[in-house]
C-alpha cells in the first residue's frame, strides 16, 4: 500500500493522480490519494466525483472514498 498527498496541487491533482497510478503503483497494489476539496473558501465536492470517474474509466477499482477532515478527501484505489 502506498500513500500520495496531492493537497499541494489544490484542484489540479487529477493528472498527477493518474500519472502516479500509471507509473508508480504496481498492478494489484492499493494506493491512497489525499486531495483538497475546500479551496479559496469554497467546497469542491465535484472533485470527489471526477476522481471516482477517472479511476473507473481507467479500469481501476475504487475501494473507498472518505472525508479526511474539513478540507481534505481520501480515496483508496486498487490498480488493475
PDB file of N, CA and C in Angstrom:
ATOM      1  N   UNK A   1       0.848  -1.169   0.000  1.00  0.00           N
ATOM      2  CA  UNK A   1       0.000   0.000   0.000  1.00  0.00           C
ATOM      3  C   UNK A   1       0.898   1.238   0.000  1.00  0.00           C
ATOM      4  N   UNK A   2       0.525   2.188  -0.868  1.00  0.00           N
ATOM      5  CA  UNK A   2       1.271   3.442  -0.950  1.00  0.00           C
ATOM      6  C   UNK A   2       0.311   4.606  -0.752  1.00  0.00           C
ATOM      7  N   UNK A   3       0.833   5.703  -0.252  1.00  0.00           N
ATOM      8  CA  UNK A   3       0.012   6.882   0.035  1.00  0.00           C
ATOM      9  C   UNK A   3       0.619   8.081  -0.665  1.00  0.00           C
ATOM     10  N   UNK A   4      -0.243   8.878  -1.298  1.00  0.00           N
ATOM     11  CA  UNK A   4       0.205  10.072  -2.006  1.00  0.00           C
ATOM     12  C   UNK A   4      -0.596  11.269  -1.527  1.00  0.00           C
ATOM     13  N   UNK A   5       0.103  12.289  -1.116  1.00  0.00           N
ATOM     14  CA  UNK A   5      -0.528  13.527  -0.667  1.00  0.00           C
ATOM     15  C   UNK A   5      -0.515  14.511  -1.830  1.00  0.00           C
ATOM     16  N   UNK A   6      -1.697  14.784  -2.380  1.00  0.00           N
ATOM     17  CA  UNK A   6      -1.830  15.667  -3.530  1.00  0.00           C
ATOM     18  C   UNK A   6      -2.462  17.002  -3.156  1.00  0.00           C
ATOM     19  N   UNK A   7      -2.547  17.287  -1.869  1.00  0.00           N
ATOM     20  CA  UNK A   7      -3.203  18.514  -1.416  1.00  0.00           C
ATOM     21  C   UNK A   7      -2.526  19.772  -1.916  1.00  0.00           C
ATOM     22  N   UNK A   8      -1.227  19.739  -2.083  1.00  0.00           N
ATOM     23  CA  UNK A   8      -0.489  20.922  -2.547  1.00  0.00           C
ATOM     24  C   UNK A   8      -0.858  21.316  -3.978  1.00  0.00           C
ATOM     25  N   UNK A   9      -1.496  20.412  -4.712  1.00  0.00           N
ATOM     26  CA  UNK A   9      -1.895  20.689  -6.092  1.00  0.00           C
ATOM     27  C   UNK A   9      -3.282  21.338  -6.172  1.00  0.00           C
ATOM     28  N   UNK A  10      -3.945  21.455  -5.036  1.00  0.00           N
ATOM     29  CA  UNK A  10      -5.287  22.034  -4.945  1.00  0.00           C
ATOM     30  C   UNK A  10      -6.224  21.331  -5.929  1.00  0.00           C
ATOM     31  N   UNK A  11      -6.905  22.061  -6.798  1.00  0.00           N
ATOM     32  CA  UNK A  11      -7.866  21.444  -7.710  1.00  0.00           C
ATOM     33  C   UNK A  11      -7.215  20.886  -8.973  1.00  0.00           C
ATOM     34  N   UNK A  12      -5.903  20.928  -9.061  1.00  0.00           N
ATOM     35  CA  UNK A  12      -5.173  20.451 -10.241  1.00  0.00           C
ATOM     36  C   UNK A  12      -4.463  19.121  -9.982  1.00  0.00           C
ATOM     37  N   UNK A  13      -5.088  18.231  -9.255  1.00  0.00           N
ATOM     38  CA  UNK A  13      -4.434  16.981  -8.865  1.00  0.00           C
ATOM     39  C   UNK A  13      -4.733  15.803  -9.792  1.00  0.00           C
ATOM     40  N   UNK A  14      -5.700  15.923 -10.670  1.00  0.00           N
ATOM     41  CA  UNK A  14      -6.166  14.775 -11.456  1.00  0.00           C
ATOM     42  C   UNK A  14      -5.073  14.153 -12.317  1.00  0.00           C
ATOM     43  N   UNK A  15      -4.361  14.971 -13.074  1.00  0.00           N
ATOM     44  CA  UNK A  15      -3.309  14.443 -13.943  1.00  0.00           C
ATOM     45  C   UNK A  15      -2.223  13.737 -13.141  1.00  0.00           C
ATOM     46  N   UNK A  16      -1.848  14.333 -12.014  1.00  0.00           N
ATOM     47  CA  UNK A  16      -0.792  13.721 -11.186  1.00  0.00           C
ATOM     48  C   UNK A  16      -1.272  12.398 -10.590  1.00  0.00           C
ATOM     49  N   UNK A  17      -2.525  12.347 -10.161  1.00  0.00           N
ATOM     50  CA  UNK A  17      -3.073  11.107  -9.607  1.00  0.00           C
ATOM     51  C   UNK A  17      -3.018   9.989 -10.648  1.00  0.00           C
ATOM     52  N   UNK A  18      -3.435  10.283 -11.870  1.00  0.00           N
ATOM     53  CA  UNK A  18      -3.441   9.266 -12.919  1.00  0.00           C
ATOM     54  C   UNK A  18      -2.014   8.894 -13.343  1.00  0.00           C
ATOM     55  N   UNK A  19      -1.121   9.867 -13.342  1.00  0.00           N
ATOM     56  CA  UNK A  19       0.280   9.587 -13.652  1.00  0.00           C
ATOM     57  C   UNK A  19       0.881   8.631 -12.617  1.00  0.00           C
ATOM     58  N   UNK A  20       0.604   8.889 -11.353  1.00  0.00           N
ATOM     59  CA  UNK A  20       1.109   8.007 -10.297  1.00  0.00           C
ATOM     60  C   UNK A  20       0.549   6.597 -10.450  1.00  0.00           C
ATOM     61  N   UNK A  21      -0.735   6.492 -10.760  1.00  0.00           N
ATOM     62  CA  UNK A  21      -1.331   5.172 -10.969  1.00  0.00           C
ATOM     63  C   UNK A  21      -0.676   4.455 -12.143  1.00  0.00           C
ATOM     64  N   UNK A  22      -0.412   5.173 -13.213  1.00  0.00           N
ATOM     65  CA  UNK A  22       0.175   4.568 -14.404  1.00  0.00           C
ATOM     66  C   UNK A  22       1.630   4.169 -14.213  1.00  0.00           C
ATOM     67  N   UNK A  23       2.395   5.004 -13.519  1.00  0.00           N
ATOM     68  CA  UNK A  23       3.850   4.822 -13.485  1.00  0.00           C
ATOM     69  C   UNK A  23       4.420   4.278 -12.184  1.00  0.00           C
ATOM     70  N   UNK A  24       3.776   4.558 -11.062  1.00  0.00           N
ATOM     71  CA  UNK A  24       4.392   4.227  -9.773  1.00  0.00           C
ATOM     72  C   UNK A  24       3.696   3.094  -9.020  1.00  0.00           C
ATOM     73  N   UNK A  25       2.407   2.987  -9.186  1.00  0.00           N
ATOM     74  CA  UNK A  25       1.649   1.967  -8.457  1.00  0.00           C
ATOM     75  C   UNK A  25       1.706   0.664  -9.243  1.00  0.00           C
ATOM     76  N   UNK A  26       2.026  -0.429  -8.556  1.00  0.00           N
ATOM     77  CA  UNK A  26       2.126  -1.733  -9.206  1.00  0.00           C
ATOM     78  C   UNK A  26       0.733  -2.335  -9.382  1.00  0.00           C
ATOM     79  N   UNK A  27       0.585  -3.162 -10.377  1.00  0.00           N
ATOM     80  CA  UNK A  27      -0.677  -3.841 -10.631  1.00  0.00           C
ATOM     81  C   UNK A  27      -1.095  -4.641  -9.394  1.00  0.00           C
ATOM     82  N   UNK A  28      -2.333  -4.478  -8.965  1.00  0.00           N
ATOM     83  CA  UNK A  28      -2.855  -5.165  -7.784  1.00  0.00           C
ATOM     84  C   UNK A  28      -2.589  -4.428  -6.482  1.00  0.00           C
ATOM     85  N   UNK A  29      -1.736  -3.426  -6.514  1.00  0.00           N
ATOM     86  CA  UNK A  29      -1.399  -2.662  -5.313  1.00  0.00           C
ATOM     87  C   UNK A  29      -2.489  -1.640  -4.990  1.00  0.00           C
ATOM     88  N   UNK A  30      -2.638  -1.336  -3.713  1.00  0.00           N
ATOM     89  CA  UNK A  30      -3.598  -0.350  -3.246  1.00  0.00           C
ATOM     90  C   UNK A  30      -2.877   0.978  -3.023  1.00  0.00           C
ATOM     91  N   UNK A  31      -3.492   2.052  -3.533  1.00  0.00           N
ATOM     92  CA  UNK A  31      -2.941   3.396  -3.362  1.00  0.00           C
ATOM     93  C   UNK A  31      -3.971   4.270  -2.668  1.00  0.00           C
ATOM     94  N   UNK A  32      -3.489   5.107  -1.778  1.00  0.00           N
ATOM     95  CA  UNK A  32      -4.334   6.076  -1.083  1.00  0.00           C
ATOM     96  C   UNK A  32      -3.947   7.460  -1.587  1.00  0.00           C
ATOM     97  N   UNK A  33      -4.945   8.209  -2.042  1.00  0.00           N
ATOM     98  CA  UNK A  33      -4.710   9.568  -2.535  1.00  0.00           C
ATOM     99  C   UNK A  33      -5.452  10.547  -1.642  1.00  0.00           C
ATOM    100  N   UNK A  34      -4.726  11.534  -1.184  1.00  0.00           N
ATOM    101  CA  UNK A  34      -5.284  12.592  -0.341  1.00  0.00           C
ATOM    102  C   UNK A  34      -5.299  13.871  -1.161  1.00  0.00           C
ATOM    103  N   UNK A  35      -6.486  14.494  -1.282  1.00  0.00           N
ATOM    104  CA  UNK A  35      -6.587  15.731  -2.045  1.00  0.00           C
ATOM    105  C   UNK A  35      -7.529  16.696  -1.358  1.00  0.00           C
ATOM    106  N   UNK A  36      -7.441  17.936  -1.773  1.00  0.00           N
ATOM    107  CA  UNK A  36      -8.183  19.021  -1.144  1.00  0.00           C
ATOM    108  C   UNK A  36      -9.551  19.200  -1.814  1.00  0.00           C
ATOM    109  N   UNK A  37     -10.602  19.328  -0.997  1.00  0.00           N
ATOM    110  CA  UNK A  37     -11.933  19.609  -1.542  1.00  0.00           C
ATOM    111  C   UNK A  37     -12.412  21.001  -1.166  1.00  0.00           C
ATOM    112  N   UNK A  38     -11.643  21.708  -0.384  1.00  0.00           N
ATOM    113  CA  UNK A  38     -12.015  23.046   0.062  1.00  0.00           C
ATOM    114  C   UNK A  38     -10.903  23.983  -0.357  1.00  0.00           C
ATOM    115  N   UNK A  39     -11.208  24.849  -1.308  1.00  0.00           N
ATOM    116  CA  UNK A  39     -10.162  25.725  -1.848  1.00  0.00           C
ATOM    117  C   UNK A  39     -10.755  27.105  -2.101  1.00  0.00           C
ATOM    118  N   UNK A  40     -10.018  28.129  -1.734  1.00  0.00           N
ATOM    119  CA  UNK A  40     -10.456  29.516  -1.911  1.00  0.00           C
ATOM    120  C   UNK A  40     -11.824  29.776  -1.268  1.00  0.00           C
ATOM    121  N   UNK A  41     -12.043  29.189  -0.112  1.00  0.00           N
ATOM    122  CA  UNK A  41     -13.261  29.441   0.636  1.00  0.00           C
ATOM    123  C   UNK A  41     -14.484  28.680   0.170  1.00  0.00           C
ATOM    124  N   UNK A  42     -14.338  27.751  -0.783  1.00  0.00           N
ATOM    125  CA  UNK A  42     -15.479  27.007  -1.302  1.00  0.00           C
ATOM    126  C   UNK A  42     -15.196  25.510  -1.282  1.00  0.00           C
ATOM    127  N   UNK A  43     -16.238  24.735  -1.022  1.00  0.00           N
ATOM    128  CA  UNK A  43     -16.124  23.283  -1.134  1.00  0.00           C
ATOM    129  C   UNK A  43     -16.268  22.884  -2.591  1.00  0.00           C
ATOM    130  N   UNK A  44     -15.448  21.956  -3.011  1.00  0.00           N
ATOM    131  CA  UNK A  44     -15.483  21.475  -4.387  1.00  0.00           C
ATOM    132  C   UNK A  44     -15.698  19.963  -4.385  1.00  0.00           C
ATOM    133  N   UNK A  45     -16.904  19.542  -4.012  1.00  0.00           N
ATOM    134  CA  UNK A  45     -17.187  18.116  -3.945  1.00  0.00           C
ATOM    135  C   UNK A  45     -17.215  17.470  -5.325  1.00  0.00           C
ATOM    136  N   UNK A  46     -17.294  18.278  -6.382  1.00  0.00           N
ATOM    137  CA  UNK A  46     -17.221  17.717  -7.723  1.00  0.00           C
ATOM    138  C   UNK A  46     -15.880  17.032  -7.958  1.00  0.00           C
ATOM    139  N   UNK A  47     -14.853  17.423  -7.196  1.00  0.00           N
ATOM    140  CA  UNK A  47     -13.547  16.774  -7.296  1.00  0.00           C
ATOM    141  C   UNK A  47     -13.632  15.309  -6.884  1.00  0.00           C
ATOM    142  N   UNK A  48     -14.498  15.012  -5.935  1.00  0.00           N
ATOM    143  CA  UNK A  48     -14.676  13.629  -5.482  1.00  0.00           C
ATOM    144  C   UNK A  48     -15.267  12.790  -6.611  1.00  0.00           C
ATOM    145  N   UNK A  49     -16.331  13.297  -7.228  1.00  0.00           N
ATOM    146  CA  UNK A  49     -16.975  12.558  -8.320  1.00  0.00           C
ATOM    147  C   UNK A  49     -16.062  12.443  -9.528  1.00  0.00           C
ATOM    148  N   UNK A  50     -15.376  13.515  -9.867  1.00  0.00           N
ATOM    149  CA  UNK A  50     -14.482  13.477 -11.025  1.00  0.00           C
ATOM    150  C   UNK A  50     -13.347  12.481 -10.821  1.00  0.00           C
ATOM    151  N   UNK A  51     -12.778  12.446  -9.620  1.00  0.00           N
ATOM    152  CA  UNK A  51     -11.696  11.493  -9.368  1.00  0.00           C
ATOM    153  C   UNK A  51     -12.215  10.062  -9.441  1.00  0.00           C
ATOM    154  N   UNK A  52     -13.413   9.815  -8.912  1.00  0.00           N
ATOM    155  CA  UNK A  52     -14.007   8.475  -8.987  1.00  0.00           C
ATOM    156  C   UNK A  52     -14.262   8.082 -10.445  1.00  0.00           C
ATOM    157  N   UNK A  53     -14.749   9.022 -11.238  1.00  0.00           N
ATOM    158  CA  UNK A  53     -14.989   8.750 -12.661  1.00  0.00           C
ATOM    159  C   UNK A  53     -13.696   8.427 -13.399  1.00  0.00           C
ATOM    160  N   UNK A  54     -12.639   9.178 -13.125  1.00  0.00           N
ATOM    161  CA  UNK A  54     -11.350   8.926 -13.771  1.00  0.00           C
ATOM    162  C   UNK A  54     -10.807   7.546 -13.416  1.00  0.00           C
ATOM    163  N   UNK A  55     -10.936   7.174 -12.152  1.00  0.00           N
ATOM    164  CA  UNK A  55     -10.470   5.859 -11.693  1.00  0.00           C
ATOM    165  C   UNK A  55     -11.221   4.749 -12.431  1.00  0.00           C
ATOM    166  N   UNK A  56     -12.530   4.890 -12.502  1.00  0.00           N
ATOM    167  CA  UNK A  56     -13.364   3.880 -13.174  1.00  0.00           C
ATOM    168  C   UNK A  56     -13.041   3.806 -14.662  1.00  0.00           C
ATOM    169  N   UNK A  57     -12.928   4.955 -15.331  1.00  0.00           N
ATOM    170  CA  UNK A  57     -12.628   4.998 -16.757  1.00  0.00           C
ATOM    171  C   UNK A  57     -11.283   4.356 -17.082  1.00  0.00           C
ATOM    172  N   UNK A  58     -10.337   4.461 -16.161  1.00  0.00           N
ATOM    173  CA  UNK A  58      -9.009   3.873 -16.363  1.00  0.00           C
ATOM    174  C   UNK A  58      -8.996   2.374 -16.067  1.00  0.00           C
ATOM    175  N   UNK A  59     -10.125   1.851 -15.552  1.00  0.00           N
ATOM    176  CA  UNK A  59     -10.220   0.420 -15.295  1.00  0.00           C
ATOM    177  C   UNK A  59      -9.738  -0.020 -13.924  1.00  0.00           C
ATOM    178  N   UNK A  60      -9.504   0.926 -13.020  1.00  0.00           N
ATOM    179  CA  UNK A  60      -9.062   0.595 -11.679  1.00  0.00           C
ATOM    180  C   UNK A  60     -10.280   0.463 -10.753  1.00  0.00           C
ATOM    181  N   UNK A  61     -10.062  -0.052  -9.570  1.00  0.00           N
ATOM    182  CA  UNK A  61     -11.147  -0.282  -8.620  1.00  0.00           C
ATOM    183  C   UNK A  61     -11.088   0.736  -7.480  1.00  0.00           C
ATOM    184  N   UNK A  62     -12.164   1.500  -7.328  1.00  0.00           N
ATOM    185  CA  UNK A  62     -12.275   2.439  -6.212  1.00  0.00           C
ATOM    186  C   UNK A  62     -12.766   1.651  -5.003  1.00  0.00           C
ATOM    187  N   UNK A  63     -11.924   1.538  -3.989  1.00  0.00           N
ATOM    188  CA  UNK A  63     -12.259   0.751  -2.804  1.00  0.00           C
ATOM    189  C   UNK A  63     -12.982   1.563  -1.746  1.00  0.00           C
ATOM    190  N   UNK A  64     -12.612   2.845  -1.637  1.00  0.00           N
ATOM    191  CA  UNK A  64     -13.216   3.672  -0.595  1.00  0.00           C
ATOM    192  C   UNK A  64     -13.023   5.142  -0.932  1.00  0.00           C
ATOM    193  N   UNK A  65     -13.917   5.948  -0.407  1.00  0.00           N
ATOM    194  CA  UNK A  65     -13.874   7.391  -0.597  1.00  0.00           C
ATOM    195  C   UNK A  65     -14.358   8.005   0.708  1.00  0.00           C
ATOM    196  N   UNK A  66     -13.471   8.725   1.391  1.00  0.00           N
ATOM    197  CA  UNK A  66     -13.773   9.214   2.737  1.00  0.00           C
ATOM    198  C   UNK A  66     -13.378  10.670   2.923  1.00  0.00           C
ATOM    199  N   UNK A  67     -14.186  11.370   3.659  1.00  0.00           N
ATOM    200  CA  UNK A  67     -13.808  12.716   4.064  1.00  0.00           C
ATOM    201  C   UNK A  67     -12.727  12.573   5.136  1.00  0.00           C
ATOM    202  N   UNK A  68     -11.578  13.198   4.914  1.00  0.00           N
ATOM    203  CA  UNK A  68     -10.445  13.061   5.821  1.00  0.00           C
ATOM    204  C   UNK A  68     -10.553  14.055   6.979  1.00  0.00           C
ATOM    205  N   UNK A  69     -10.910  15.276   6.651  1.00  0.00           N
ATOM    206  CA  UNK A  69     -11.132  16.315   7.651  1.00  0.00           C
ATOM    207  C   UNK A  69     -12.017  17.375   7.004  1.00  0.00           C
ATOM    208  N   UNK A  70     -12.045  18.567   7.518  1.00  0.00           N
ATOM    209  CA  UNK A  70     -12.943  19.592   6.973  1.00  0.00           C
ATOM    210  C   UNK A  70     -12.589  20.054   5.563  1.00  0.00           C
ATOM    211  N   UNK A  71     -11.355  19.891   5.138  1.00  0.00           N
ATOM    212  CA  UNK A  71     -10.952  20.400   3.831  1.00  0.00           C
ATOM    213  C   UNK A  71     -10.397  19.341   2.880  1.00  0.00           C
ATOM    214  N   UNK A  72     -10.163  18.146   3.349  1.00  0.00           N
ATOM    215  CA  UNK A  72      -9.483  17.134   2.545  1.00  0.00           C
ATOM    216  C   UNK A  72     -10.322  15.870   2.386  1.00  0.00           C
ATOM    217  N   UNK A  73     -10.026  15.144   1.305  1.00  0.00           N
ATOM    218  CA  UNK A  73     -10.719  13.910   0.977  1.00  0.00           C
ATOM    219  C   UNK A  73      -9.691  12.835   0.684  1.00  0.00           C
ATOM    220  N   UNK A  74     -10.027  11.584   0.965  1.00  0.00           N
ATOM    221  CA  UNK A  74      -9.155  10.456   0.699  1.00  0.00           C
ATOM    222  C   UNK A  74      -9.887   9.437  -0.167  1.00  0.00           C
ATOM    223  N   UNK A  75      -9.223   8.947  -1.214  1.00  0.00           N
ATOM    224  CA  UNK A  75      -9.770   7.830  -1.967  1.00  0.00           C
ATOM    225  C   UNK A  75      -8.747   6.704  -1.932  1.00  0.00           C
ATOM    226  N   UNK A  76      -9.264   5.488  -1.906  1.00  0.00           N
ATOM    227  CA  UNK A  76      -8.440   4.299  -1.870  1.00  0.00           C
ATOM    228  C   UNK A  76      -8.717   3.533  -3.158  1.00  0.00           C
ATOM    229  N   UNK A  77      -7.652   3.221  -3.894  1.00  0.00           N
ATOM    230  CA  UNK A  77      -7.777   2.640  -5.229  1.00  0.00           C
ATOM    231  C   UNK A  77      -6.902   1.393  -5.335  1.00  0.00           C
ATOM    232  N   UNK A  78      -7.453   0.354  -5.979  1.00  0.00           N
ATOM    233  CA  UNK A  78      -6.625  -0.820  -6.315  1.00  0.00           C
ATOM    234  C   UNK A  78      -6.355  -0.759  -7.818  1.00  0.00           C
ATOM    235  N   UNK A  79      -5.078  -0.769  -8.171  1.00  0.00           N
ATOM    236  CA  UNK A  79      -4.707  -0.723  -9.585  1.00  0.00           C
ATOM    237  C   UNK A  79      -4.959  -2.087 -10.216  1.00  0.00           C
ATOM    238  N   UNK A  80      -5.596  -2.082 -11.344  1.00  0.00           N
ATOM    239  CA  UNK A  80      -5.855  -3.337 -12.086  1.00  0.00           C
ATOM    240  C   UNK A  80      -4.694  -3.678 -12.974  1.00  0.00           C
TER     241      UNK A  80
END
